[in-house]
Protein backbone atom coordinates (compact mmCIF):
# COMPACT_ATOMS: atom_id res chain seq x y z
CA MET A 1 27.87 -5.43 -36.58
CA PHE A 2 24.78 -6.70 -34.71
CA ARG A 3 21.73 -4.82 -35.98
CA VAL A 4 18.54 -4.59 -33.90
CA ALA A 5 15.26 -2.83 -34.68
CA VAL A 6 13.13 -1.58 -31.82
CA VAL A 7 9.57 -0.83 -32.97
CA GLY A 8 8.22 1.99 -30.81
CA SER A 9 10.02 5.00 -29.32
CA GLY A 10 8.14 5.28 -26.05
CA PRO A 11 9.70 4.41 -22.69
CA SER A 12 9.69 0.64 -23.24
CA GLY A 13 11.37 1.00 -26.64
CA VAL A 14 13.97 3.50 -25.50
CA TYR A 15 14.74 1.56 -22.32
CA THR A 16 15.24 -1.53 -24.50
CA ALA A 17 17.67 0.37 -26.72
CA GLN A 18 19.47 1.67 -23.62
CA ALA A 19 19.85 -1.86 -22.23
CA LEU A 20 21.21 -3.14 -25.53
CA ILE A 21 23.89 -0.48 -25.96
CA GLY A 22 24.74 -0.38 -22.26
CA GLN A 23 26.02 -3.97 -22.06
CA SER A 24 29.47 -5.33 -22.83
CA THR A 25 28.82 -8.98 -23.72
CA VAL A 26 27.87 -8.43 -27.37
CA PRO A 27 30.15 -5.99 -29.20
CA ASP A 28 29.21 -3.50 -31.87
CA VAL A 29 25.43 -3.38 -31.32
CA ARG A 30 23.54 -0.85 -33.43
CA VAL A 31 19.88 -0.08 -32.72
CA ASP A 32 17.35 1.53 -35.04
CA VAL A 33 14.31 2.82 -33.12
CA LEU A 34 11.36 2.85 -35.53
CA ASP A 35 8.13 4.70 -34.88
CA ARG A 36 4.93 5.11 -36.87
CA LEU A 37 4.91 8.80 -35.93
CA PRO A 38 7.51 11.36 -37.00
CA CYS A 39 7.98 12.30 -33.33
CA PRO A 40 9.64 10.20 -30.60
CA TYR A 41 8.72 9.45 -26.95
CA GLY A 42 5.41 7.63 -27.39
CA LEU A 43 3.01 8.12 -24.48
CA VAL A 44 5.37 10.54 -22.76
CA ARG A 45 4.60 12.96 -25.61
CA TYR A 46 1.10 11.80 -26.48
CA GLY A 47 -0.30 10.48 -23.19
CA VAL A 48 1.00 12.65 -20.36
CA ALA A 49 -1.25 15.62 -19.60
CA PRO A 50 0.20 18.99 -20.69
CA ASP A 51 0.07 20.39 -17.14
CA HIS A 52 2.25 17.56 -15.80
CA GLU A 53 5.57 19.12 -16.68
CA LYS A 54 7.59 17.02 -14.23
CA ILE A 55 6.53 13.76 -15.87
CA LYS A 56 6.93 15.23 -19.35
CA SER A 57 10.52 16.15 -18.43
CA LEU A 58 11.30 12.43 -18.72
CA GLN A 59 11.68 13.20 -22.42
CA GLY A 60 15.13 14.53 -21.55
CA ASN A 61 16.23 11.10 -20.31
CA LEU A 62 14.81 9.38 -23.38
CA ARG A 63 16.49 11.96 -25.58
CA THR A 64 19.92 11.09 -24.21
CA VAL A 65 19.50 7.51 -25.40
CA LEU A 66 18.16 8.47 -28.83
CA GLU A 67 21.08 10.84 -29.37
CA ASP A 68 23.66 8.12 -28.69
CA GLU A 69 25.77 7.42 -31.78
CA ARG A 70 24.85 3.73 -31.60
CA VAL A 71 21.12 4.49 -31.78
CA ARG A 72 19.24 5.84 -34.80
CA PHE A 73 15.69 7.23 -34.68
CA LEU A 74 13.62 6.51 -37.80
CA GLY A 75 10.19 8.08 -37.57
CA ASP A 76 7.17 7.87 -39.89
CA VAL A 77 7.77 4.14 -40.45
CA GLU A 78 4.63 2.00 -40.35
CA VAL A 79 4.97 -1.63 -39.25
CA GLY A 80 2.16 -4.12 -39.79
CA ALA A 81 -0.56 -4.69 -42.36
CA HIS A 82 -0.13 -1.25 -43.98
CA GLY A 83 3.64 -1.04 -43.82
CA LEU A 84 6.70 -3.13 -43.16
CA THR A 85 5.82 -6.70 -42.31
CA PRO A 86 7.58 -8.57 -39.48
CA ALA A 87 9.00 -10.94 -42.11
CA ARG A 88 10.49 -8.04 -44.03
CA LEU A 89 11.96 -6.55 -40.86
CA LEU A 90 13.80 -9.81 -40.21
CA GLU A 91 15.38 -9.45 -43.64
CA LEU A 92 16.78 -6.08 -42.55
CA TYR A 93 17.79 -6.77 -38.93
CA HIS A 94 19.25 -9.62 -36.89
CA ALA A 95 16.59 -9.06 -34.22
CA VAL A 96 13.41 -7.03 -33.81
CA VAL A 97 11.85 -5.93 -30.51
CA TYR A 98 8.19 -4.89 -30.65
CA CYS A 99 7.34 -2.17 -28.10
CA VAL A 100 4.05 -1.07 -29.61
CA GLY A 101 2.05 -0.53 -26.43
CA ALA A 102 -1.70 -1.04 -26.05
CA ALA A 103 -3.36 1.21 -28.59
CA ARG A 104 -7.05 0.42 -28.16
CA ASP A 105 -9.32 1.53 -25.33
CA ARG A 106 -11.59 -0.90 -23.54
CA ARG A 107 -15.31 -0.63 -24.24
CA LEU A 108 -18.12 -0.41 -21.72
CA GLY A 109 -20.35 -2.72 -23.72
CA VAL A 110 -23.54 -0.77 -22.97
CA PRO A 111 -26.23 0.66 -25.27
CA GLY A 112 -25.60 4.18 -26.52
CA GLU A 113 -21.82 3.97 -26.54
CA GLU A 114 -21.71 5.16 -30.18
CA LEU A 115 -23.80 8.30 -29.63
CA ARG A 116 -22.33 11.71 -30.49
CA GLY A 117 -20.70 13.04 -27.36
CA SER A 118 -19.54 9.58 -26.18
CA TYR A 119 -15.80 9.05 -26.51
CA SER A 120 -12.99 7.07 -25.03
CA ALA A 121 -10.68 8.99 -22.73
CA THR A 122 -7.93 7.87 -25.11
CA GLU A 123 -9.48 10.00 -27.86
CA PHE A 124 -9.72 13.00 -25.55
CA VAL A 125 -6.12 12.60 -24.38
CA SER A 126 -4.92 12.28 -27.98
CA TRP A 127 -6.77 15.49 -28.85
CA TYR A 128 -5.27 17.64 -26.12
CA SER A 129 -1.87 15.98 -26.68
CA ALA A 130 -1.85 16.84 -30.43
CA HIS A 131 -1.70 13.27 -31.70
CA PRO A 132 -1.99 13.54 -35.50
CA ASP A 133 -4.64 10.79 -35.60
CA ALA A 134 -6.83 12.56 -33.04
CA VAL A 135 -10.45 13.59 -33.46
CA GLN A 136 -10.56 17.34 -34.10
CA ASP A 137 -14.22 18.16 -33.56
CA GLY A 138 -13.87 19.80 -30.15
CA PHE A 139 -15.77 17.05 -28.28
CA GLY A 140 -19.02 18.93 -27.82
CA LEU A 141 -17.95 20.98 -24.81
CA ASP A 142 -20.96 23.28 -25.10
CA ARG A 143 -23.10 21.65 -22.39
CA PRO A 144 -22.62 22.03 -18.63
CA GLY A 145 -22.49 18.37 -17.56
CA ALA A 146 -19.83 15.74 -18.26
CA VAL A 147 -19.36 12.19 -17.00
CA VAL A 148 -15.99 10.46 -16.78
CA ILE A 149 -16.31 6.72 -16.19
CA GLY A 150 -13.29 5.19 -14.47
CA ALA A 151 -11.17 5.36 -11.34
CA GLY A 152 -7.57 5.54 -12.54
CA ASN A 153 -5.04 8.24 -13.38
CA VAL A 154 -6.40 8.70 -16.91
CA ALA A 155 -9.86 9.43 -15.46
CA VAL A 156 -8.31 11.95 -13.08
CA ASP A 157 -6.33 13.58 -15.92
CA VAL A 158 -9.28 14.11 -18.23
CA THR A 159 -11.46 15.31 -15.34
CA ARG A 160 -8.81 17.84 -14.36
CA LEU A 161 -8.36 19.10 -17.94
CA LEU A 162 -12.11 19.58 -18.30
CA VAL A 163 -12.18 22.04 -15.39
CA ARG A 164 -8.66 23.51 -15.56
CA ARG A 165 -8.69 27.25 -16.30
CA PRO A 166 -7.30 28.15 -19.75
CA GLU A 167 -4.79 30.61 -18.31
CA GLU A 168 -3.23 27.68 -16.44
CA LEU A 169 -2.90 25.67 -19.66
CA ARG A 170 -1.60 28.50 -21.81
CA PRO A 171 2.04 28.12 -20.62
CA THR A 172 2.00 24.42 -21.58
CA ASP A 173 2.52 22.87 -25.03
CA ILE A 174 -1.18 22.02 -25.49
CA PRO A 175 -2.16 22.60 -29.16
CA GLN A 176 -3.84 25.92 -29.85
CA GLY A 177 -7.06 24.34 -31.12
CA ALA A 178 -7.55 22.34 -27.93
CA LEU A 179 -6.67 25.36 -25.76
CA SER A 180 -9.21 27.54 -27.58
CA ALA A 181 -11.91 24.87 -27.31
CA LEU A 182 -11.31 24.37 -23.58
CA ALA A 183 -11.30 28.14 -23.04
CA ALA A 184 -14.74 28.34 -24.67
CA SER A 185 -16.02 25.22 -22.90
CA GLY A 186 -19.39 25.32 -21.21
CA VAL A 187 -18.58 22.33 -18.97
CA ARG A 188 -19.13 23.26 -15.33
CA ASP A 189 -20.03 20.01 -13.55
CA VAL A 190 -17.96 16.83 -14.00
CA HIS A 191 -18.93 13.52 -12.44
CA MET A 192 -16.06 11.01 -12.13
CA VAL A 193 -17.81 7.69 -11.56
CA ALA A 194 -16.50 4.33 -10.34
CA ARG A 195 -18.32 1.03 -9.99
CA ARG A 196 -16.45 0.21 -6.77
CA GLY A 197 -15.26 2.29 -3.82
CA PRO A 198 -12.26 4.57 -3.25
CA GLY A 199 -10.43 1.76 -1.45
CA GLN A 200 -10.24 -0.13 -4.78
CA ALA A 201 -9.54 2.84 -7.08
CA ARG A 202 -6.34 2.77 -9.12
CA PHE A 203 -5.34 6.43 -9.17
CA THR A 204 -2.20 7.60 -7.41
CA THR A 205 -2.67 9.85 -4.41
CA LYS A 206 -0.68 12.72 -5.93
CA GLU A 207 -2.96 12.81 -8.98
CA LEU A 208 -6.06 12.58 -6.82
CA ARG A 209 -4.99 15.43 -4.53
CA GLU A 210 -4.51 17.71 -7.52
CA LEU A 211 -8.27 17.85 -7.97
CA GLY A 212 -8.57 19.57 -4.60
CA THR A 213 -6.08 22.30 -5.56
CA LEU A 214 -7.77 23.54 -8.74
CA PRO A 215 -8.78 27.21 -8.52
CA ASP A 216 -12.49 28.00 -8.68
CA THR A 217 -13.36 24.31 -8.46
CA ARG A 218 -15.16 22.49 -5.67
CA VAL A 219 -14.69 18.76 -5.08
CA LEU A 220 -17.84 17.04 -3.83
CA VAL A 221 -18.12 13.55 -2.35
CA ASP A 222 -21.21 11.82 -0.97
CA ARG A 223 -20.38 10.37 2.44
CA THR A 224 -23.12 7.75 2.15
CA GLU A 225 -21.38 6.33 -0.92
CA LEU A 226 -18.04 6.26 0.89
CA ALA A 227 -19.58 4.41 3.80
CA LEU A 228 -20.34 1.49 1.46
CA ASP A 229 -16.60 0.85 1.08
CA PRO A 230 -15.64 -2.22 3.14
CA ALA A 231 -12.52 -0.39 4.34
CA TYR A 232 -14.31 2.82 5.32
CA ASP A 233 -14.26 2.17 9.06
CA ASP A 234 -10.93 0.35 9.16
CA PRO A 235 -8.59 0.97 6.19
CA SER A 236 -5.58 -0.67 7.87
CA GLY A 237 -5.79 -3.74 5.64
CA LEU A 238 -5.46 -1.73 2.41
CA PRO A 239 -2.20 -1.18 0.50
CA ALA A 240 -0.61 2.15 1.43
CA VAL A 241 -1.64 4.01 -1.73
CA ASN A 242 -5.28 2.89 -1.44
CA ARG A 243 -5.29 3.87 2.23
CA ARG A 244 -4.02 7.35 1.36
CA ASN A 245 -6.62 7.67 -1.39
CA LEU A 246 -9.39 6.81 1.04
CA ASP A 247 -8.06 9.40 3.50
CA VAL A 248 -8.09 12.11 0.82
CA VAL A 249 -11.62 11.31 -0.30
CA ARG A 250 -12.79 11.16 3.32
CA SER A 251 -11.43 14.66 3.91
CA TRP A 252 -13.44 15.94 0.95
CA SER A 253 -16.61 14.30 2.18
CA ALA A 254 -16.09 16.05 5.53
CA GLY A 255 -15.90 19.43 3.77
CA ALA A 256 -12.14 19.98 3.96
CA ALA A 257 -9.80 20.99 1.13
CA LEU A 258 -12.60 21.76 -1.28
CA GLY A 259 -11.01 24.70 -3.05
CA ALA A 260 -12.24 28.23 -3.39
CA PRO A 261 -15.88 28.89 -4.23
CA THR A 262 -16.69 28.02 -7.21
CA THR A 263 -17.44 28.23 -10.84
CA ARG A 264 -16.96 24.49 -11.45
CA SER A 265 -17.46 21.29 -9.53
CA VAL A 266 -15.96 17.81 -9.62
CA ARG A 267 -18.18 15.15 -8.11
CA LEU A 268 -16.54 11.86 -7.16
CA ARG A 269 -19.17 9.12 -7.35
CA PHE A 270 -18.72 5.53 -6.18
CA PHE A 271 -20.59 2.24 -6.42
CA LEU A 272 -22.32 3.10 -9.70
CA ARG A 273 -22.16 0.87 -12.80
CA PRO A 274 -23.05 2.30 -16.23
CA VAL A 275 -25.87 0.41 -17.94
CA GLU A 276 -26.81 2.80 -20.77
CA ILE A 277 -25.66 6.04 -22.36
CA LEU A 278 -28.77 8.09 -23.07
CA GLY A 279 -29.35 10.13 -26.20
CA ASP A 280 -31.86 12.51 -27.73
CA ALA A 281 -33.72 12.22 -31.02
CA ASP A 282 -30.71 13.64 -32.88
CA GLY A 283 -28.35 10.97 -31.54
CA ARG A 284 -26.58 13.28 -29.11
CA VAL A 285 -25.64 12.23 -25.57
CA VAL A 286 -27.89 13.65 -22.86
CA GLY A 287 -26.87 11.53 -19.87
CA VAL A 288 -25.87 8.17 -18.43
CA ARG A 289 -28.01 5.64 -16.60
CA PHE A 290 -26.24 3.85 -13.75
CA GLU A 291 -27.13 0.95 -11.51
CA ARG A 292 -26.24 1.30 -7.85
CA THR A 293 -23.79 -1.42 -6.81
CA GLU A 294 -22.75 -2.77 -3.44
CA PRO A 295 -19.82 -4.89 -2.19
CA ASP A 296 -20.36 -8.61 -2.75
CA GLY A 297 -18.07 -9.74 0.06
CA THR A 298 -15.39 -11.15 -2.27
CA GLY A 299 -13.75 -7.91 -3.42
CA GLY A 300 -16.20 -7.29 -6.26
CA VAL A 301 -19.61 -5.66 -6.51
CA ARG A 302 -23.13 -6.74 -7.39
CA GLY A 303 -26.08 -4.82 -8.74
CA THR A 304 -28.84 -3.69 -6.45
CA GLY A 305 -31.61 -3.08 -8.97
CA ARG A 306 -31.67 0.63 -8.08
CA TYR A 307 -30.89 3.13 -10.84
CA GLU A 308 -29.83 6.73 -11.23
CA GLU A 309 -29.48 9.01 -14.24
CA ILE A 310 -26.79 11.70 -14.46
CA PRO A 311 -27.37 14.37 -17.13
CA ALA A 312 -24.39 15.06 -19.38
CA GLY A 313 -23.55 16.29 -22.86
CA LEU A 314 -20.16 14.55 -22.83
CA VAL A 315 -19.20 11.04 -21.70
CA LEU A 316 -15.58 9.89 -21.52
CA ARG A 317 -14.83 6.27 -20.70
CA ALA A 318 -11.50 5.68 -18.95
CA VAL A 319 -11.68 1.99 -18.16
CA GLY A 320 -8.32 0.85 -19.48
CA TYR A 321 -6.35 0.02 -22.61
CA ARG A 322 -5.95 -3.11 -24.65
CA GLY A 323 -3.28 -4.33 -27.05
CA VAL A 324 -4.19 -4.87 -30.69
CA PRO A 325 -2.96 -7.57 -33.07
CA LEU A 326 0.01 -6.67 -35.26
CA SER A 327 -0.30 -8.33 -38.65
CA GLY A 328 2.29 -11.07 -39.04
CA LEU A 329 2.77 -11.69 -35.31
CA PRO A 330 0.96 -14.09 -32.97
CA PHE A 331 -1.57 -12.58 -30.56
CA ASP A 332 -3.30 -13.65 -27.37
CA PRO A 333 -6.83 -12.17 -27.62
CA ALA A 334 -7.69 -13.09 -24.04
CA HIS A 335 -4.95 -10.87 -22.62
CA GLY A 336 -4.37 -8.45 -25.50
CA THR A 337 -0.67 -9.33 -25.64
CA ILE A 338 1.87 -11.09 -27.87
CA PRO A 339 2.71 -14.52 -26.40
CA HIS A 340 6.27 -14.62 -25.10
CA ALA A 341 8.74 -16.30 -22.77
CA ALA A 342 10.97 -13.76 -20.99
CA GLY A 343 10.41 -11.42 -23.95
CA ARG A 344 10.98 -14.01 -26.70
CA VAL A 345 8.00 -14.11 -29.07
CA LEU A 346 6.34 -17.52 -29.10
CA ARG A 347 4.89 -18.95 -32.29
CA ASP A 348 2.85 -22.08 -31.52
CA GLY A 349 4.57 -22.22 -28.14
CA THR A 350 8.09 -22.09 -29.55
CA PRO A 351 10.45 -19.07 -29.41
CA SER A 352 10.64 -17.37 -32.81
CA PRO A 353 14.30 -16.60 -33.62
CA GLY A 354 14.99 -12.87 -33.70
CA GLU A 355 11.55 -11.69 -32.51
CA TYR A 356 11.01 -10.09 -29.07
CA VAL A 357 8.53 -7.93 -27.16
CA ALA A 358 8.71 -5.39 -24.33
CA GLY A 359 6.29 -3.02 -22.64
CA TRP A 360 2.50 -3.21 -22.61
CA ILE A 361 2.25 -5.51 -25.64
CA LYS A 362 4.37 -7.94 -23.59
CA ARG A 363 2.78 -7.73 -20.14
CA GLY A 364 -0.52 -5.86 -20.64
CA PRO A 365 -1.31 -2.20 -19.78
CA THR A 366 -0.09 -2.27 -16.19
CA GLY A 367 2.32 -0.30 -14.07
CA VAL A 368 3.77 3.17 -14.37
CA ILE A 369 6.41 4.54 -16.74
CA GLY A 370 9.23 3.21 -14.57
CA THR A 371 7.80 -0.33 -14.75
CA ASN A 372 9.02 -0.46 -18.34
CA ARG A 373 12.67 -0.39 -17.30
CA PRO A 374 12.95 -3.87 -15.70
CA CYS A 375 10.60 -5.22 -18.38
CA ALA A 376 12.94 -3.91 -21.10
CA LYS A 377 16.02 -5.24 -19.30
CA GLU A 378 14.55 -8.74 -19.18
CA THR A 379 13.83 -8.69 -22.91
CA ALA A 380 17.26 -7.25 -23.75
CA ALA A 381 18.91 -9.98 -21.67
CA SER A 382 17.05 -12.66 -23.61
CA LEU A 383 18.00 -11.07 -26.93
CA LEU A 384 21.67 -10.75 -25.98
CA ALA A 385 21.76 -14.36 -24.80
CA ASP A 386 20.51 -15.36 -28.28
CA ALA A 387 22.85 -13.05 -30.20
CA ALA A 388 25.41 -15.65 -31.21
CA GLY A 389 22.79 -17.64 -33.06
CA LEU A 390 21.24 -14.58 -34.68
CA THR A 391 24.35 -13.11 -36.28
CA ASP A 392 24.74 -16.11 -38.61
CA ARG A 393 21.92 -14.76 -40.76
CA ASP A 394 22.69 -12.23 -43.52
CA VAL A 395 20.79 -8.94 -43.22
CA ALA A 396 20.82 -5.63 -45.10
CA PRO A 397 24.20 -3.84 -44.79
CA ASP A 398 22.30 -0.66 -43.92
CA PRO A 399 18.56 -0.97 -43.23
CA LEU A 400 18.00 2.73 -43.94
CA VAL A 401 19.20 2.27 -47.52
CA ALA A 402 16.87 -0.71 -47.84
CA LEU A 403 13.93 1.29 -46.45
CA ARG A 404 14.52 4.04 -48.98
CA ALA A 405 14.71 1.48 -51.76
CA LEU A 406 11.25 0.34 -50.70
CA GLY A 407 9.96 3.86 -51.34
CA HIS A 408 9.90 5.10 -47.75
CA GLU A 409 11.64 8.17 -46.40
CA PRO A 410 11.95 7.90 -42.61
CA VAL A 411 12.14 11.03 -40.48
CA PRO A 412 15.63 11.02 -38.94
CA TRP A 413 16.61 12.61 -35.64
CA THR A 414 17.50 15.82 -37.48
CA GLY A 415 13.94 15.86 -38.85
CA TRP A 416 12.59 15.62 -35.31
CA LEU A 417 14.83 18.53 -34.29
CA MET A 418 13.28 20.56 -37.11
CA ILE A 419 9.81 19.68 -35.78
CA GLU A 420 10.92 20.94 -32.38
CA ARG A 421 12.07 24.21 -33.91
CA ALA A 422 8.80 24.55 -35.83
CA GLU A 423 6.82 24.03 -32.60
CA ALA A 424 8.90 26.68 -30.87
CA ALA A 425 8.26 29.09 -33.75
CA LEU A 426 4.53 28.32 -33.70
CA GLY A 427 4.38 29.03 -29.98
CA GLY A 428 6.30 32.27 -30.44
CA SER A 429 3.82 33.45 -33.05
CA LEU A 430 1.03 32.84 -30.50
CA GLY A 431 2.83 34.52 -27.63
CA ARG A 432 3.36 31.15 -25.96
CA GLY A 433 6.18 28.68 -25.37
CA PRO A 434 6.52 25.70 -27.73
CA VAL A 435 3.12 24.54 -29.01
CA LYS A 436 2.59 21.06 -30.41
CA ILE A 437 1.77 20.63 -34.09
CA PRO A 438 -1.32 18.40 -34.32
CA ASP A 439 -1.50 17.14 -37.93
CA TRP A 440 0.41 14.80 -40.22
CA ALA A 441 1.02 17.23 -43.10
CA ALA A 442 2.42 19.96 -40.87
CA LEU A 443 4.65 17.52 -38.97
CA ARG A 444 6.02 16.07 -42.19
CA GLY A 445 6.43 19.52 -43.64
CA ALA A 446 8.36 20.68 -40.58
CA ALA A 447 10.61 17.63 -40.88
CA ARG A 448 11.10 18.42 -44.59
CA VAL A 449 9.61 15.07 -45.62
CA PRO A 450 7.32 15.00 -48.70
CA SER A 451 3.73 14.65 -47.58
CA ALA A 452 2.24 11.19 -48.10
CA PRO A 453 -0.81 9.34 -46.80
CA ALA A 454 -0.34 7.70 -43.43
CA GLY A 455 -0.05 3.95 -43.64
CA ARG A 456 1.16 3.61 -47.25
CA PRO A 457 2.41 0.12 -48.16
CA ILE A 458 6.20 -0.09 -48.26
CA GLY A 459 6.85 -3.82 -48.31
């Protein structure tokens, strides 16, 4: 039996497992999918906005793989400095594939970033997605102004959730605490700010258009800012998605498709670069100072020396993700990835037998969910090509028995099914559909696992 561990149960991890069991060249492959959380699906569960049901339905496809008899889900298993080391994993499995994503947000690097009311969009997404590590303080939604810094789909998501009416979120699985906080929110005016123009923005057109369909919300765009975009007069040289984005934003600047009048507004701002987050004497955010930028003729922007302040009680930065080092594995700090060749982990430039990567930790935080499929297939192909040389090494007869001997009690698939039932019961008690459970103790309790501190050492 050829035993493989896949670390991470998001799309890249599950697609890797699918590629491994779906081939016929290496017989009798068994895959354990390990996750730090007691719940599977990674960013599909904890990164997709609750009102995006179509994307969230991808969980059904991932579920089919995790329910295959050749695949075993083992949740609540920490890997790294506070858990299983990579060296120990190689004692339990013939091969290990790390699909751990890019867990850290990028920083702005400006003064005031640590003020109360300044957060990464990652923290906000984790909160409304019920991640058990999430901040639970409600994000200071009591003031009317908010600034979202970024021009990608995450920026669009958090902007939309800030102005979405609570009755529209109630049918989703958003945790009750987040729903109550958003229902009581005083936020009425959200600025989504980009340092370049709409022709360079990274959001998809479908996500962008959603902003114009929100009830009681007006989308506002300054035509003079749009006119700074080099493609404003002739967008024919842009990629198709950027051209469509520019068309949508143009229509808003002309006064079309602005939604019904209005209890809230979303203001799309372009060619503004944050230089300082402003605070009051109590250390609370009161606004953001921006420098006006302009195209530099090479695809970038340069500062103009002109400044503008936007008042806000909440600032969310959505300027990308970054991989973090995993103790015991090599790391490329320049790119935030694990060095590899076609998915094979490189130690000092040489492939490390039995160690592989897939997903964002392999290629960086790029692409959409579907991009993980060919990435996973490449890594699986490399692993399978190496299989003959990997099976010579003795490993644990059953890694689950070895994990338990180390004092750990993984959450099995049946434990996850019990969490699902508990979330359905919680929603029923609130007069809603299934509602996500947002804390470690309750998740472990639902899975019938004794409560223990997250990140305990297990070898």
